[in-house]
C-alpha cells in the first residue's frame, strides 16, 4: 500500500511539535504494516467526514485519510476537537 499526503496535511505536519511528529511517524509506520492494528483505532467517520477514516496519533490528535484499493491519502491532522466540531 502506498501512503500519500495531501498538501493540507503537509502544511499541518510542518507546524507540529517534534514530539507529535515522532508519534505520527511511528503510527504511520505501524499503519503501513497493519492498518487495523488496535493501537491505531482505525475507524470510519460520519457527518462531514463521511467516506473517510481516522487513526489515533496521540490521545487528542487524529489523522484523517481516504482509502482506495492501492493507497491511503492522508488529508488532515489535527486535534479531535478541531476536526469534529
Protein backbone atom coordinates (compact mmCIF):
# COMPACT_ATOMS: atom_id res chain seq x y z
CA UNK A 1 0.00 0.00 0.00
CA UNK A 2 1.16 3.50 -0.83
CA UNK A 3 0.72 6.36 1.64
CA UNK A 4 0.15 9.76 0.04
CA UNK A 5 -0.12 13.14 1.78
CA UNK A 6 -2.42 15.97 0.72
CA UNK A 7 -0.82 19.44 0.72
CA UNK A 8 -3.04 20.48 3.68
CA UNK A 9 -1.69 17.52 5.65
CA UNK A 10 1.88 18.54 4.81
CA UNK A 11 1.23 22.13 5.96
CA UNK A 12 -0.10 20.93 9.31
CA UNK A 13 2.70 18.38 9.64
CA UNK A 14 5.37 21.08 9.49
CA UNK A 15 3.66 23.01 12.31
CA UNK A 16 3.53 20.04 14.70
CA UNK A 17 5.80 19.73 17.72
CA UNK A 18 8.73 17.31 17.37
CA UNK A 19 7.10 15.00 19.93
CA UNK A 20 3.90 14.73 17.85
CA UNK A 21 5.89 14.30 14.62
CA UNK A 22 7.76 11.35 16.18
CA UNK A 23 4.49 9.79 17.35
CA UNK A 24 2.89 10.32 13.91
CA UNK A 25 5.87 8.76 12.15
CA UNK A 26 5.62 5.74 14.46
CA UNK A 27 1.87 5.43 13.81
CA UNK A 28 2.31 5.71 10.04
CA UNK A 29 4.96 3.00 10.14
CA UNK A 30 2.57 0.79 12.07
CA UNK A 31 -0.24 1.73 9.65
CA UNK A 32 1.82 0.65 6.64
CA UNK A 33 2.34 -2.79 8.22
CA UNK A 34 -1.18 -3.33 9.62
CA UNK A 35 -3.73 -0.58 9.07
CA UNK A 36 -6.18 -2.20 11.51
CA UNK A 37 -3.76 -2.60 14.41
CA UNK A 38 -5.80 -1.93 17.60
CA UNK A 39 -3.36 0.78 18.71
CA UNK A 40 -4.42 2.92 15.74
CA UNK A 41 -8.16 2.70 16.45
CA UNK A 42 -8.79 2.91 12.68
CA UNK A 43 -12.47 3.72 12.24
CA UNK A 44 -14.92 5.07 9.67
CA UNK A 45 -16.23 8.60 10.12
CA UNK A 46 -19.70 10.12 9.82
CA UNK A 47 -21.13 13.54 9.10
CA UNK A 48 -18.96 15.95 7.13
CA UNK A 49 -16.18 13.31 7.02
CA UNK A 50 -18.40 10.54 5.59
CA UNK A 51 -16.29 8.28 3.37
CA UNK A 52 -13.10 9.00 5.33
CA UNK A 53 -11.39 7.09 8.12
CA UNK A 54 -9.40 8.22 11.14
CA UNK A 55 -6.48 6.88 13.17
CA UNK A 56 -5.35 8.00 16.59
CA UNK A 57 -1.92 9.62 16.72
CA UNK A 58 -1.98 10.64 20.39
CA UNK A 59 -4.76 10.93 22.95
CA UNK A 60 -6.12 14.02 21.20
CA UNK A 61 -4.51 14.09 17.75
CA UNK A 62 -6.19 12.38 14.80
CA UNK A 63 -5.08 11.78 11.22
CA UNK A 64 -7.88 11.56 8.66
CA UNK A 65 -7.44 9.64 5.43
CA UNK A 66 -9.31 8.24 2.47
CA UNK A 67 -8.54 4.70 1.36
CA UNK A 68 -8.77 3.16 -2.08
CA UNK A 69 -7.58 -0.22 -3.31
CA UNK A 70 -3.95 0.80 -3.73
CA UNK A 71 -3.28 3.79 -1.48
CA UNK A 72 -4.24 5.83 1.56
CA UNK A 73 -4.48 9.60 1.09
CA UNK A 74 -3.94 11.40 4.40
CA UNK A 75 -5.80 14.68 4.13
CA UNK A 76 -5.51 16.38 7.55
CA UNK A 77 -4.07 16.01 11.03
CA UNK A 78 -5.44 18.00 13.93
CA UNK A 79 -6.89 17.72 17.41
CA UNK A 80 -10.12 15.83 17.94
CA UNK A 81 -11.99 18.99 18.97
CA UNK A 82 -10.88 20.94 15.87
CA UNK A 83 -11.76 18.14 13.46
CA UNK A 84 -15.18 17.16 14.79
CA UNK A 85 -16.88 20.47 15.52
